[in-house]
Every structure is written in structure tokens, then in C-alpha cells.
Amino acid sequence: MQVVSLNSNKAASPALSLGILQLLMKILVLSTALALVALTTTPAHAQPSPFSPIVEANGVLYLAGHLGRDPQTRDLPKGIAAQTTQTLKNIGTTLATVNATHADIVRCQVFLSSIKDFGTMNEAYRTFFPQNPPARTTVAVKGLALDAKIEIECTAVRGHASRHSAP
């Protein structure tokens, strides 16, 4: 193996410089690929899906959209309040599999099938984030899988809760 000093005053050949650059790019691609890890399958995602319920990349947890399906019956509860509560419970179950909690969530994206449900959803949502709630976007969409009333997608940082303080 040839060792090349990058501090040398001598100019490296273009082929050697290109070779080093290609090697560094391969290392970067490999390290990025290794940092992306699908972490777990939870009871709320018991059926095979073409996505991971949670993935960790460089210390950040990305949760796929969750619905309010009951993990045992696989049914959606009636009403936006019950679906919001069950959705956030399912998110908690997924987070628990990687030693994280709702307090580690830094951002949520909420998708509602009707913007008229915004107030009721907020009441149920607030019970899971009584202090220092995460950043959030809420939008109304034309339809959700299984005719759900709500879907929530989150980003979390394990240990965020112990470092977070109110502004």
C-alpha cells in the first residue's frame, strides 16, 4: 500500500489525486449508509409494510406516519379525539422500542382529513405534550389511509428531553 502525504510540497499526480478523492467519496457514502438504520417493528405495524416505522440517521429518529389503529384489534376508534389519543399512544410504543419518549420529539407533522377537527385534535394532542411541546405543522388533506381522521409523523432526538429548556 502506498502512503501519500497530503502535506507534501510536491504536487501529486492528477491520477493519484483523483484516486484519493474517489476513495474519500466511497468512505463518505459507506459511513452515511451505515448511519441509516431501520430500528424496529412495533405491534402497531404488525403487518408487513413497504416502509420502516422508525429509522435512525446520525442520532435523529424519524418516525413514519402513524394512525390511531388499536394494536390488538387493528381497528380505528371512532372520532378525532380517540384517534388522536391512540395515534400518540402508538407513537409512544414505537419510541419506547428505542428507549425514547414523547418528550424526545422535536417536530410533528399532523395530517387531518378535515380541518374542522383541528380544535378537538389539539385538546387530545396537548395531553401528550403538557410542557415544551415540539414544533408542529398541521394540514388538512383530501384523504388518509384506511379513512383515518388523523395521521402523525414525528422527528425525535433521543435524550432531547433532558437537554431541553423553555425559551
Foldseek 3Di string as FASTA:
>chain_A
DDDDDPPDPDDDDPVVVVVVVVVVVVVVVVVQVVQKAQQDDFLQRPDDDPDGQWIGHPQKIWGDKFWLQDSVPRDQDPDLLSGLLSRQVVVQRVQVSVPAGQLQWAEKEKEFQDCVCVVSSVVSNCVRDVDDHHHYHYDYDNADPPRTGMIMITMGGGPVNVVDDDD
